[in-house]
Amino acid sequence: MNLVTTIILISVTLSTVLIIVSFWLPQMTPDYEKLSPYECGFDPLGSARLPFSLRFFLVAILFLLFDLEIALLLPLPWGDQLSTPLTTFIWASTVLILLTLGLVYEWVQGGLEWAE
C-alpha cells in the first residue's frame, strides 16, 4: 500500500470509530428543562419586553471599538520593514494615543462604572 491509501484508510477507520462511539456515549435523559423551548433561564411565559440597561450597550460598543482598533494595529510589525519605519511608528503612536485619550475620557465621565 502506498502512503495516500494508508492515510485514507486510517482517516476512514478513525471517523467510523468516532461516529459509532458518539452514538453510544451520550446519556439521553430528557427532563422538563431540556424539553422546554427556552433553555436560557428566562421565563417563556413572562413579558418579552424586559428593559435593558444602557450601560450594557455602552460597554459592548466600547469593547467593539477597542477590538477593532487593536485589529488595525496587527500589521504593525510588517509596517516596520517599510522604507520609512518612523512614519509607521508615528501613525501607530497616534492611534494608541487617541485610544488612550478616549479611554481616559470614558473613565472620567463614569462610562465604565457598571453600578451608579
PDB file of N, CA and C in Angstrom:
ATOM      1  N   MET A   1       0.839  -1.189   0.000  1.00  0.00           N
ATOM      2  CA  MET A   1       0.000   0.000   0.000  1.00  0.00           C
ATOM      3  C   MET A   1       0.878   1.244   0.000  1.00  0.00           C
ATOM      4  N   ASN A   2       0.414   2.218  -0.699  1.00  0.00           N
ATOM      5  CA  ASN A   2       1.184   3.459  -0.697  1.00  0.00           C
ATOM      6  C   ASN A   2       0.710   4.376   0.432  1.00  0.00           C
ATOM      7  N   LEU A   3       1.358   5.486   0.558  1.00  0.00           N
ATOM      8  CA  LEU A   3       1.118   6.401   1.674  1.00  0.00           C
ATOM      9  C   LEU A   3      -0.283   7.000   1.628  1.00  0.00           C
ATOM     10  N   VAL A   4      -0.756   7.379   0.465  1.00  0.00           N
ATOM     11  CA  VAL A   4      -2.068   8.016   0.346  1.00  0.00           C
ATOM     12  C   VAL A   4      -3.173   7.030   0.754  1.00  0.00           C
ATOM     13  N   THR A   5      -3.074   5.794   0.306  1.00  0.00           N
ATOM     14  CA  THR A   5      -4.074   4.780   0.662  1.00  0.00           C
ATOM     15  C   THR A   5      -4.069   4.522   2.164  1.00  0.00           C
ATOM     16  N   THR A   6      -2.907   4.494   2.768  1.00  0.00           N
ATOM     17  CA  THR A   6      -2.804   4.281   4.217  1.00  0.00           C
ATOM     18  C   THR A   6      -3.447   5.427   4.984  1.00  0.00           C
ATOM     19  N   ILE A   7      -3.189   6.648   4.570  1.00  0.00           N
ATOM     20  CA  ILE A   7      -3.769   7.813   5.251  1.00  0.00           C
ATOM     21  C   ILE A   7      -5.288   7.815   5.108  1.00  0.00           C
ATOM     22  N   ILE A   8      -5.792   7.511   3.918  1.00  0.00           N
ATOM     23  CA  ILE A   8      -7.239   7.457   3.707  1.00  0.00           C
ATOM     24  C   ILE A   8      -7.860   6.353   4.558  1.00  0.00           C
ATOM     25  N   LEU A   9      -7.221   5.202   4.631  1.00  0.00           N
ATOM     26  CA  LEU A   9      -7.730   4.085   5.423  1.00  0.00           C
ATOM     27  C   LEU A   9      -7.765   4.440   6.914  1.00  0.00           C
ATOM     28  N   ILE A  10      -6.716   5.065   7.409  1.00  0.00           N
ATOM     29  CA  ILE A  10      -6.676   5.480   8.821  1.00  0.00           C
ATOM     30  C   ILE A  10      -7.760   6.531   9.094  1.00  0.00           C
ATOM     31  N   SER A  11      -7.936   7.472   8.176  1.00  0.00           N
ATOM     32  CA  SER A  11      -8.945   8.527   8.371  1.00  0.00           C
ATOM     33  C   SER A  11     -10.350   7.949   8.393  1.00  0.00           C
ATOM     34  N   VAL A  12     -10.645   7.055   7.462  1.00  0.00           N
ATOM     35  CA  VAL A  12     -11.979   6.449   7.410  1.00  0.00           C
ATOM     36  C   VAL A  12     -12.231   5.594   8.647  1.00  0.00           C
ATOM     37  N   THR A  13     -11.221   4.825   9.062  1.00  0.00           N
ATOM     38  CA  THR A  13     -11.372   3.989  10.248  1.00  0.00           C
ATOM     39  C   THR A  13     -11.592   4.832  11.498  1.00  0.00           C
ATOM     40  N   LEU A  14     -10.794   5.855  11.674  1.00  0.00           N
ATOM     41  CA  LEU A  14     -10.929   6.733  12.845  1.00  0.00           C
ATOM     42  C   LEU A  14     -12.281   7.444  12.841  1.00  0.00           C
ATOM     43  N   SER A  15     -12.723   7.913  11.698  1.00  0.00           N
ATOM     44  CA  SER A  15     -14.025   8.588  11.608  1.00  0.00           C
ATOM     45  C   SER A  15     -15.154   7.634  11.949  1.00  0.00           C
ATOM     46  N   THR A  16     -15.087   6.416  11.445  1.00  0.00           N
ATOM     47  CA  THR A  16     -16.130   5.431  11.724  1.00  0.00           C
ATOM     48  C   THR A  16     -16.179   5.094  13.214  1.00  0.00           C
ATOM     49  N   VAL A  17     -15.019   4.896  13.815  1.00  0.00           N
ATOM     50  CA  VAL A  17     -14.974   4.581  15.246  1.00  0.00           C
ATOM     51  C   VAL A  17     -15.546   5.740  16.061  1.00  0.00           C
ATOM     52  N   LEU A  18     -15.206   6.971  15.723  1.00  0.00           N
ATOM     53  CA  LEU A  18     -15.710   8.130  16.464  1.00  0.00           C
ATOM     54  C   LEU A  18     -17.220   8.292  16.292  1.00  0.00           C
ATOM     55  N   ILE A  19     -17.737   8.011  15.113  1.00  0.00           N
ATOM     56  CA  ILE A  19     -19.186   8.108  14.891  1.00  0.00           C
ATOM     57  C   ILE A  19     -19.915   7.058  15.711  1.00  0.00           C
ATOM     58  N   ILE A  20     -19.403   5.849  15.716  1.00  0.00           N
ATOM     59  CA  ILE A  20     -20.049   4.775  16.477  1.00  0.00           C
ATOM     60  C   ILE A  20     -20.000   5.066  17.975  1.00  0.00           C
ATOM     61  N   VAL A  21     -18.868   5.528  18.467  1.00  0.00           N
ATOM     62  CA  VAL A  21     -18.736   5.845  19.889  1.00  0.00           C
ATOM     63  C   VAL A  21     -19.643   7.010  20.275  1.00  0.00           C
ATOM     64  N   SER A  22     -19.825   7.979  19.388  1.00  0.00           N
ATOM     65  CA  SER A  22     -20.673   9.133  19.715  1.00  0.00           C
ATOM     66  C   SER A  22     -22.139   8.750  19.848  1.00  0.00           C
ATOM     67  N   PHE A  23     -22.566   7.662  19.246  1.00  0.00           N
ATOM     68  CA  PHE A  23     -23.934   7.206  19.428  1.00  0.00           C
ATOM     69  C   PHE A  23     -24.115   6.441  20.731  1.00  0.00           C
ATOM     70  N   TRP A  24     -23.068   5.849  21.255  1.00  0.00           N
ATOM     71  CA  TRP A  24     -23.176   5.058  22.474  1.00  0.00           C
ATOM     72  C   TRP A  24     -22.916   5.862  23.747  1.00  0.00           C
ATOM     73  N   LEU A  25     -22.060   6.857  23.669  1.00  0.00           N
ATOM     74  CA  LEU A  25     -21.654   7.569  24.881  1.00  0.00           C
ATOM     75  C   LEU A  25     -22.686   8.523  25.489  1.00  0.00           C
ATOM     76  N   PRO A  26     -23.406   9.307  24.716  1.00  0.00           N
ATOM     77  CA  PRO A  26     -24.247  10.319  25.369  1.00  0.00           C
ATOM     78  C   PRO A  26     -25.376   9.696  26.178  1.00  0.00           C
ATOM     79  N   GLN A  27     -25.697  10.356  27.281  1.00  0.00           N
ATOM     80  CA  GLN A  27     -26.783   9.903  28.127  1.00  0.00           C
ATOM     81  C   GLN A  27     -28.048  10.649  27.721  1.00  0.00           C
ATOM     82  N   MET A  28     -29.006   9.918  27.223  1.00  0.00           N
ATOM     83  CA  MET A  28     -30.249  10.534  26.762  1.00  0.00           C
ATOM     84  C   MET A  28     -31.282  10.462  27.887  1.00  0.00           C
ATOM     85  N   THR A  29     -31.239  11.454  28.770  1.00  0.00           N
ATOM     86  CA  THR A  29     -32.210  11.517  29.855  1.00  0.00           C
ATOM     87  C   THR A  29     -32.925  12.865  29.775  1.00  0.00           C
ATOM     88  N   PRO A  30     -33.931  12.981  28.933  1.00  0.00           N
ATOM     89  CA  PRO A  30     -34.622  14.270  28.819  1.00  0.00           C
ATOM     90  C   PRO A  30     -35.459  14.546  30.065  1.00  0.00           C
ATOM     91  N   ASP A  31     -35.417  15.763  30.530  1.00  0.00           N
ATOM     92  CA  ASP A  31     -36.258  16.188  31.643  1.00  0.00           C
ATOM     93  C   ASP A  31     -37.050  17.419  31.200  1.00  0.00           C
ATOM     94  N   TYR A  32     -37.777  18.011  32.130  1.00  0.00           N
ATOM     95  CA  TYR A  32     -38.654  19.137  31.797  1.00  0.00           C
ATOM     96  C   TYR A  32     -37.855  20.328  31.263  1.00  0.00           C
ATOM     97  N   GLU A  33     -36.703  20.608  31.877  1.00  0.00           N
ATOM     98  CA  GLU A  33     -35.909  21.762  31.461  1.00  0.00           C
ATOM     99  C   GLU A  33     -35.346  21.585  30.055  1.00  0.00           C
ATOM    100  N   LYS A  34     -34.901  20.387  29.729  1.00  0.00           N
ATOM    101  CA  LYS A  34     -34.338  20.155  28.395  1.00  0.00           C
ATOM    102  C   LYS A  34     -35.411  20.143  27.321  1.00  0.00           C
ATOM    103  N   LEU A  35     -36.609  19.750  27.679  1.00  0.00           N
ATOM    104  CA  LEU A  35     -37.684  19.694  26.699  1.00  0.00           C
ATOM    105  C   LEU A  35     -38.384  21.033  26.510  1.00  0.00           C
ATOM    106  N   SER A  36     -38.113  22.001  27.388  1.00  0.00           N
ATOM    107  CA  SER A  36     -38.739  23.315  27.238  1.00  0.00           C
ATOM    108  C   SER A  36     -38.100  24.048  26.060  1.00  0.00           C
ATOM    109  N   PRO A  37     -38.861  24.917  25.389  1.00  0.00           N
ATOM    110  CA  PRO A  37     -38.310  25.587  24.204  1.00  0.00           C
ATOM    111  C   PRO A  37     -37.245  26.622  24.532  1.00  0.00           C
ATOM    112  N   TYR A  38     -37.179  27.094  25.780  1.00  0.00           N
ATOM    113  CA  TYR A  38     -36.190  28.094  26.155  1.00  0.00           C
ATOM    114  C   TYR A  38     -35.271  27.508  27.209  1.00  0.00           C
ATOM    115  N   GLU A  39     -33.984  27.428  26.890  1.00  0.00           N
ATOM    116  CA  GLU A  39     -33.023  26.904  27.853  1.00  0.00           C
ATOM    117  C   GLU A  39     -32.127  27.993  28.412  1.00  0.00           C
ATOM    118  N   CYS A  40     -32.494  29.250  28.200  1.00  0.00           N
ATOM    119  CA  CYS A  40     -31.619  30.346  28.594  1.00  0.00           C
ATOM    120  C   CYS A  40     -31.858  30.816  30.011  1.00  0.00           C
ATOM    121  N   GLY A  41     -32.872  30.308  30.693  1.00  0.00           N
ATOM    122  CA  GLY A  41     -33.122  30.711  32.063  1.00  0.00           C
ATOM    123  C   GLY A  41     -34.207  31.750  32.209  1.00  0.00           C
ATOM    124  N   PHE A  42     -34.683  32.340  31.113  1.00  0.00           N
ATOM    125  CA  PHE A  42     -35.772  33.309  31.189  1.00  0.00           C
ATOM    126  C   PHE A  42     -37.108  32.573  31.209  1.00  0.00           C
ATOM    127  N   ASP A  43     -38.071  33.162  31.841  1.00  0.00           N
ATOM    128  CA  ASP A  43     -39.411  32.590  31.878  1.00  0.00           C
ATOM    129  C   ASP A  43     -40.077  32.810  30.525  1.00  0.00           C
ATOM    130  N   PRO A  44     -40.433  31.743  29.793  1.00  0.00           N
ATOM    131  CA  PRO A  44     -41.010  31.935  28.457  1.00  0.00           C
ATOM    132  C   PRO A  44     -42.434  32.478  28.492  1.00  0.00           C
ATOM    133  N   LEU A  45     -43.068  32.489  29.648  1.00  0.00           N
ATOM    134  CA  LEU A  45     -44.442  32.963  29.742  1.00  0.00           C
ATOM    135  C   LEU A  45     -44.530  34.407  30.208  1.00  0.00           C
ATOM    136  N   GLY A  46     -43.410  34.984  30.597  1.00  0.00           N
ATOM    137  CA  GLY A  46     -43.412  36.363  31.076  1.00  0.00           C
ATOM    138  C   GLY A  46     -43.363  37.351  29.922  1.00  0.00           C
ATOM    139  N   SER A  47     -43.128  38.598  30.256  1.00  0.00           N
ATOM    140  CA  SER A  47     -43.066  39.658  29.256  1.00  0.00           C
ATOM    141  C   SER A  47     -41.792  39.548  28.434  1.00  0.00           C
ATOM    142  N   ALA A  48     -41.913  39.724  27.139  1.00  0.00           N
ATOM    143  CA  ALA A  48     -40.758  39.668  26.251  1.00  0.00           C
ATOM    144  C   ALA A  48     -40.073  41.021  26.137  1.00  0.00           C
ATOM    145  N   ARG A  49     -40.644  42.024  26.721  1.00  0.00           N
ATOM    146  CA  ARG A  49     -40.109  43.373  26.599  1.00  0.00           C
ATOM    147  C   ARG A  49     -39.476  43.836  27.896  1.00  0.00           C
ATOM    148  N   LEU A  50     -38.465  43.104  28.342  1.00  0.00           N
ATOM    149  CA  LEU A  50     -37.754  43.487  29.554  1.00  0.00           C
ATOM    150  C   LEU A  50     -36.772  44.608  29.219  1.00  0.00           C
ATOM    151  N   PRO A  51     -36.669  45.628  30.058  1.00  0.00           N
ATOM    152  CA  PRO A  51     -35.749  46.727  29.756  1.00  0.00           C
ATOM    153  C   PRO A  51     -34.290  46.311  29.962  1.00  0.00           C
ATOM    154  N   PHE A  52     -33.436  46.742  29.055  1.00  0.00           N
ATOM    155  CA  PHE A  52     -32.003  46.520  29.174  1.00  0.00           C
ATOM    156  C   PHE A  52     -31.343  47.799  29.642  1.00  0.00           C
ATOM    157  N   SER A  53     -30.293  47.644  30.380  1.00  0.00           N
ATOM    158  CA  SER A  53     -29.545  48.807  30.832  1.00  0.00           C
ATOM    159  C   SER A  53     -28.730  49.367  29.678  1.00  0.00           C
ATOM    160  N   LEU A  54     -28.720  50.683  29.553  1.00  0.00           N
ATOM    161  CA  LEU A  54     -27.911  51.312  28.508  1.00  0.00           C
ATOM    162  C   LEU A  54     -26.420  51.153  28.782  1.00  0.00           C
ATOM    163  N   ARG A  55     -26.060  50.904  30.024  1.00  0.00           N
ATOM    164  CA  ARG A  55     -24.654  50.662  30.360  1.00  0.00           C
ATOM    165  C   ARG A  55     -24.131  49.429  29.643  1.00  0.00           C
ATOM    166  N   PHE A  56     -24.993  48.414  29.533  1.00  0.00           N
ATOM    167  CA  PHE A  56     -24.603  47.192  28.834  1.00  0.00           C
ATOM    168  C   PHE A  56     -24.225  47.509  27.395  1.00  0.00           C
ATOM    169  N   PHE A  57     -25.031  48.297  26.715  1.00  0.00           N
ATOM    170  CA  PHE A  57     -24.750  48.641  25.329  1.00  0.00           C
ATOM    171  C   PHE A  57     -23.506  49.514  25.211  1.00  0.00           C
ATOM    172  N   LEU A  58     -23.298  50.407  26.162  1.00  0.00           N
ATOM    173  CA  LEU A  58     -22.111  51.255  26.135  1.00  0.00           C
ATOM    174  C   LEU A  58     -20.847  50.423  26.275  1.00  0.00           C
ATOM    175  N   VAL A  59     -20.851  49.483  27.209  1.00  0.00           N
ATOM    176  CA  VAL A  59     -19.683  48.619  27.394  1.00  0.00           C
ATOM    177  C   VAL A  59     -19.469  47.752  26.155  1.00  0.00           C
ATOM    178  N   ALA A  60     -20.542  47.255  25.553  1.00  0.00           N
ATOM    179  CA  ALA A  60     -20.423  46.436  24.347  1.00  0.00           C
ATOM    180  C   ALA A  60     -19.846  47.243  23.197  1.00  0.00           C
ATOM    181  N   ILE A  61     -20.289  48.468  23.021  1.00  0.00           N
ATOM    182  CA  ILE A  61     -19.768  49.303  21.939  1.00  0.00           C
ATOM    183  C   ILE A  61     -18.315  49.669  22.190  1.00  0.00           C
ATOM    184  N   LEU A  62     -17.956  49.947  23.439  1.00  0.00           N
ATOM    185  CA  LEU A  62     -16.553  50.237  23.755  1.00  0.00           C
ATOM    186  C   LEU A  62     -15.667  49.026  23.481  1.00  0.00           C
ATOM    187  N   PHE A  63     -16.169  47.841  23.827  1.00  0.00           N
ATOM    188  CA  PHE A  63     -15.407  46.630  23.535  1.00  0.00           C
ATOM    189  C   PHE A  63     -15.188  46.474  22.035  1.00  0.00           C
ATOM    190  N   LEU A  64     -16.235  46.672  21.246  1.00  0.00           N
ATOM    191  CA  LEU A  64     -16.090  46.553  19.787  1.00  0.00           C
ATOM    192  C   LEU A  64     -15.119  47.596  19.243  1.00  0.00           C
ATOM    193  N   LEU A  65     -15.197  48.803  19.759  1.00  0.00           N
ATOM    194  CA  LEU A  65     -14.305  49.862  19.300  1.00  0.00           C
ATOM    195  C   LEU A  65     -12.850  49.515  19.568  1.00  0.00           C
ATOM    196  N   PHE A  66     -12.542  49.102  20.795  1.00  0.00           N
ATOM    197  CA  PHE A  66     -11.158  48.771  21.128  1.00  0.00           C
ATOM    198  C   PHE A  66     -10.705  47.505  20.418  1.00  0.00           C
ATOM    199  N   ASP A  67     -11.603  46.573  20.207  1.00  0.00           N
ATOM    200  CA  ASP A  67     -11.259  45.356  19.496  1.00  0.00           C
ATOM    201  C   ASP A  67     -10.900  45.665  18.043  1.00  0.00           C
ATOM    202  N   LEU A  68     -11.662  46.529  17.404  1.00  0.00           N
ATOM    203  CA  LEU A  68     -11.366  46.894  16.019  1.00  0.00           C
ATOM    204  C   LEU A  68     -10.077  47.704  15.916  1.00  0.00           C
ATOM    205  N   GLU A  69      -9.832  48.548  16.887  1.00  0.00           N
ATOM    206  CA  GLU A  69      -8.600  49.335  16.845  1.00  0.00           C
ATOM    207  C   GLU A  69      -7.369  48.452  17.030  1.00  0.00           C
ATOM    208  N   ILE A  70      -7.473  47.440  17.851  1.00  0.00           N
ATOM    209  CA  ILE A  70      -6.359  46.502  18.004  1.00  0.00           C
ATOM    210  C   ILE A  70      -6.133  45.762  16.690  1.00  0.00           C
ATOM    211  N   ALA A  71      -7.214  45.435  15.983  1.00  0.00           N
ATOM    212  CA  ALA A  71      -7.072  44.774  14.684  1.00  0.00           C
ATOM    213  C   ALA A  71      -6.361  45.686  13.689  1.00  0.00           C
ATOM    214  N   LEU A  72      -6.524  46.994  13.834  1.00  0.00           N
ATOM    215  CA  LEU A  72      -5.793  47.918  12.957  1.00  0.00           C
ATOM    216  C   LEU A  72      -4.300  47.928  13.265  1.00  0.00           C
ATOM    217  N   LEU A  73      -3.930  47.602  14.496  1.00  0.00           N
ATOM    218  CA  LEU A  73      -2.514  47.614  14.873  1.00  0.00           C
ATOM    219  C   LEU A  73      -1.811  46.289  14.592  1.00  0.00           C
ATOM    220  N   LEU A  74      -2.551  45.260  14.199  1.00  0.00           N
ATOM    221  CA  LEU A  74      -1.924  43.955  13.953  1.00  0.00           C
ATOM    222  C   LEU A  74      -0.853  43.971  12.861  1.00  0.00           C
ATOM    223  N   PRO A  75      -1.028  44.711  11.757  1.00  0.00           N
ATOM    224  CA  PRO A  75       0.025  44.710  10.732  1.00  0.00           C
ATOM    225  C   PRO A  75       1.246  45.561  11.084  1.00  0.00           C
ATOM    226  N   LEU A  76       1.316  46.065  12.299  1.00  0.00           N
ATOM    227  CA  LEU A  76       2.415  46.951  12.685  1.00  0.00           C
ATOM    228  C   LEU A  76       3.800  46.317  12.526  1.00  0.00           C
ATOM    229  N   PRO A  77       4.036  45.060  12.902  1.00  0.00           N
ATOM    230  CA  PRO A  77       5.388  44.501  12.713  1.00  0.00           C
ATOM    231  C   PRO A  77       5.820  44.457  11.248  1.00  0.00           C
ATOM    232  N   TRP A  78       4.887  44.251  10.341  1.00  0.00           N
ATOM    233  CA  TRP A  78       5.258  44.236   8.926  1.00  0.00           C
ATOM    234  C   TRP A  78       5.478  45.660   8.411  1.00  0.00           C
ATOM    235  N   GLY A  79       4.805  46.630   9.035  1.00  0.00           N
ATOM    236  CA  GLY A  79       4.991  48.021   8.632  1.00  0.00           C
ATOM    237  C   GLY A  79       6.357  48.552   9.007  1.00  0.00           C
ATOM    238  N   ASP A  80       7.016  47.925   9.971  1.00  0.00           N
ATOM    239  CA  ASP A  80       8.363  48.365  10.353  1.00  0.00           C
ATOM    240  C   ASP A  80       9.396  48.040   9.288  1.00  0.00           C
ATOM    241  N   GLN A  81       9.067  47.189   8.344  1.00  0.00           N
ATOM    242  CA  GLN A  81      10.012  46.811   7.303  1.00  0.00           C
ATOM    243  C   GLN A  81       9.882  47.692   6.068  1.00  0.00           C
ATOM    244  N   LEU A  82       9.053  48.730   6.140  1.00  0.00           N
ATOM    245  CA  LEU A  82       8.915  49.652   5.016  1.00  0.00           C
ATOM    246  C   LEU A  82      10.144  50.550   4.928  1.00  0.00           C
ATOM    247  N   SER A  83      10.166  51.373   3.906  1.00  0.00           N
ATOM    248  CA  SER A  83      11.340  52.236   3.705  1.00  0.00           C
ATOM    249  C   SER A  83      11.429  53.332   4.770  1.00  0.00           C
ATOM    250  N   THR A  84      10.284  53.735   5.333  1.00  0.00           N
ATOM    251  CA  THR A  84      10.291  54.753   6.389  1.00  0.00           C
ATOM    252  C   THR A  84       9.576  54.204   7.624  1.00  0.00           C
ATOM    253  N   PRO A  85      10.288  53.465   8.462  1.00  0.00           N
ATOM    254  CA  PRO A  85       9.639  52.906   9.656  1.00  0.00           C
ATOM    255  C   PRO A  85       9.234  53.980  10.676  1.00  0.00           C
ATOM    256  N   LEU A  86       9.848  55.153  10.605  1.00  0.00           N
ATOM    257  CA  LEU A  86       9.484  56.226  11.540  1.00  0.00           C
ATOM    258  C   LEU A  86       8.043  56.685  11.296  1.00  0.00           C
ATOM    259  N   THR A  87       7.632  56.739  10.041  1.00  0.00           N
ATOM    260  CA  THR A  87       6.256  57.125   9.717  1.00  0.00           C
ATOM    261  C   THR A  87       5.272  56.102  10.274  1.00  0.00           C
ATOM    262  N   THR A  88       5.602  54.819  10.144  1.00  0.00           N
ATOM    263  CA  THR A  88       4.752  53.763  10.687  1.00  0.00           C
ATOM    264  C   THR A  88       4.631  53.905  12.197  1.00  0.00           C
ATOM    265  N   PHE A  89       5.743  54.179  12.860  1.00  0.00           N
ATOM    266  CA  PHE A  89       5.739  54.356  14.312  1.00  0.00           C
ATOM    267  C   PHE A  89       4.907  55.562  14.721  1.00  0.00           C
ATOM    268  N   ILE A  90       4.989  56.638  13.971  1.00  0.00           N
ATOM    269  CA  ILE A  90       4.224  57.850  14.299  1.00  0.00           C
ATOM    270  C   ILE A  90       2.724  57.590  14.165  1.00  0.00           C
ATOM    271  N   TRP A  91       2.315  56.921  13.077  1.00  0.00           N
ATOM    272  CA  TRP A  91       0.889  56.648  12.891  1.00  0.00           C
ATOM    273  C   TRP A  91       0.367  55.672  13.951  1.00  0.00           C
ATOM    274  N   ALA A  92       1.137  54.668  14.276  1.00  0.00           N
ATOM    275  CA  ALA A  92       0.714  53.717  15.307  1.00  0.00           C
ATOM    276  C   ALA A  92       0.633  54.406  16.667  1.00  0.00           C
ATOM    277  N   SER A  93       1.588  55.275  16.955  1.00  0.00           N
ATOM    278  CA  SER A  93       1.546  56.023  18.215  1.00  0.00           C
ATOM    279  C   SER A  93       0.339  56.942  18.269  1.00  0.00           C
ATOM    280  N   THR A  94       0.000  57.550  17.135  1.00  0.00           N
ATOM    281  CA  THR A  94      -1.185  58.420  17.077  1.00  0.00           C
ATOM    282  C   THR A  94      -2.453  57.635  17.390  1.00  0.00           C
ATOM    283  N   VAL A  95      -2.576  56.446  16.815  1.00  0.00           N
ATOM    284  CA  VAL A  95      -3.750  55.607  17.080  1.00  0.00           C
ATOM    285  C   VAL A  95      -3.806  55.228  18.555  1.00  0.00           C
ATOM    286  N   LEU A  96      -2.675  54.833  19.125  1.00  0.00           N
ATOM    287  CA  LEU A  96      -2.654  54.448  20.540  1.00  0.00           C
ATOM    288  C   LEU A  96      -2.943  55.625  21.459  1.00  0.00           C
ATOM    289  N   ILE A  97      -2.453  56.803  21.114  1.00  0.00           N
ATOM    290  CA  ILE A  97      -2.726  57.992  21.925  1.00  0.00           C
ATOM    291  C   ILE A  97      -4.213  58.339  21.872  1.00  0.00           C
ATOM    292  N   LEU A  98      -4.821  58.259  20.684  1.00  0.00           N
ATOM    293  CA  LEU A  98      -6.257  58.518  20.571  1.00  0.00           C
ATOM    294  C   LEU A  98      -7.074  57.506  21.368  1.00  0.00           C
ATOM    295  N   LEU A  99      -6.676  56.243  21.317  1.00  0.00           N
ATOM    296  CA  LEU A  99      -7.363  55.219  22.111  1.00  0.00           C
ATOM    297  C   LEU A  99      -7.233  55.505  23.605  1.00  0.00           C
ATOM    298  N   THR A 100      -6.048  55.869  24.029  1.00  0.00           N
ATOM    299  CA  THR A 100      -5.829  56.151  25.442  1.00  0.00           C
ATOM    300  C   THR A 100      -6.631  57.369  25.891  1.00  0.00           C
ATOM    301  N   LEU A 101      -6.662  58.408  25.066  1.00  0.00           N
ATOM    302  CA  LEU A 101      -7.449  59.593  25.414  1.00  0.00           C
ATOM    303  C   LEU A 101      -8.945  59.273  25.481  1.00  0.00           C
ATOM    304  N   GLY A 102      -9.425  58.453  24.565  1.00  0.00           N
ATOM    305  CA  GLY A 102     -10.826  58.043  24.598  1.00  0.00           C
ATOM    306  C   GLY A 102     -11.151  57.232  25.837  1.00  0.00           C
ATOM    307  N   LEU A 103     -10.240  56.340  26.217  1.00  0.00           N
ATOM    308  CA  LEU A 103     -10.451  55.544  27.420  1.00  0.00           C
ATOM    309  C   LEU A 103     -10.452  56.412  28.672  1.00  0.00           C
ATOM    310  N   VAL A 104      -9.534  57.359  28.745  1.00  0.00           N
ATOM    311  CA  VAL A 104      -9.479  58.272  29.900  1.00  0.00           C
ATOM    312  C   VAL A 104     -10.759  59.111  29.965  1.00  0.00           C
ATOM    313  N   TYR A 105     -11.218  59.588  28.811  1.00  0.00           N
ATOM    314  CA  TYR A 105     -12.452  60.384  28.785  1.00  0.00           C
ATOM    315  C   TYR A 105     -13.643  59.572  29.294  1.00  0.00           C
ATOM    316  N   GLU A 106     -13.786  58.339  28.814  1.00  0.00           N
ATOM    317  CA  GLU A 106     -14.890  57.489  29.276  1.00  0.00           C
ATOM    318  C   GLU A 106     -14.769  57.194  30.771  1.00  0.00           C
ATOM    319  N   TRP A 107     -13.559  57.005  31.228  1.00  0.00           N
ATOM    320  CA  TRP A 107     -13.339  56.717  32.651  1.00  0.00           C
ATOM    321  C   TRP A 107     -13.729  57.912  33.516  1.00  0.00           C
ATOM    322  N   VAL A 108     -13.303  59.118  33.087  1.00  0.00           N
ATOM    323  CA  VAL A 108     -13.600  60.332  33.855  1.00  0.00           C
ATOM    324  C   VAL A 108     -15.103  60.625  33.838  1.00  0.00           C
ATOM    325  N   GLN A 109     -15.767  60.388  32.720  1.00  0.00           N
ATOM    326  CA  GLN A 109     -17.200  60.647  32.606  1.00  0.00           C
ATOM    327  C   GLN A 109     -18.042  59.592  33.339  1.00  0.00           C
ATOM    328  N   GLY A 110     -17.420  58.511  33.782  1.00  0.00           N
ATOM    329  CA  GLY A 110     -18.136  57.472  34.507  1.00  0.00           C
ATOM    330  C   GLY A 110     -18.808  56.457  33.598  1.00  0.00           C
ATOM    331  N   GLY A 111     -18.396  56.402  32.358  1.00  0.00           N
ATOM    332  CA  GLY A 111     -18.999  55.463  31.417  1.00  0.00           C
ATOM    333  C   GLY A 111     -18.615  54.023  31.663  1.00  0.00           C
ATOM    334  N   LEU A 112     -17.563  53.797  32.414  1.00  0.00           N
ATOM    335  CA  LEU A 112     -17.124  52.432  32.699  1.00  0.00           C
ATOM    336  C   LEU A 112     -17.632  51.923  34.033  1.00  0.00           C
ATOM    337  N   GLU A 113     -18.348  52.746  34.772  1.00  0.00           N
ATOM    338  CA  GLU A 113     -18.918  52.332  36.046  1.00  0.00           C
ATOM    339  C   GLU A 113     -20.170  51.530  35.784  1.00  0.00           C
ATOM    340  N   TRP A 114     -20.225  50.302  36.272  1.00  0.00           N
ATOM    341  CA  TRP A 114     -21.387  49.474  35.999  1.00  0.00           C
ATOM    342  C   TRP A 114     -22.565  49.848  36.894  1.00  0.00           C
ATOM    343  N   ALA A 115     -22.295  50.072  38.165  1.00  0.00           N
ATOM    344  CA  ALA A 115     -23.353  50.451  39.107  1.00  0.00           C
ATOM    345  C   ALA A 115     -23.182  51.924  39.471  1.00  0.00           C
ATOM    346  N   GLU A 116     -24.304  52.583  39.650  1.00  0.00           N
ATOM    347  CA  GLU A 116     -24.241  54.021  39.959  1.00  0.00           C
ATOM    348  C   GLU A 116     -24.262  54.268  41.438  1.00  0.00           C
TER     349      GLU A 116
END
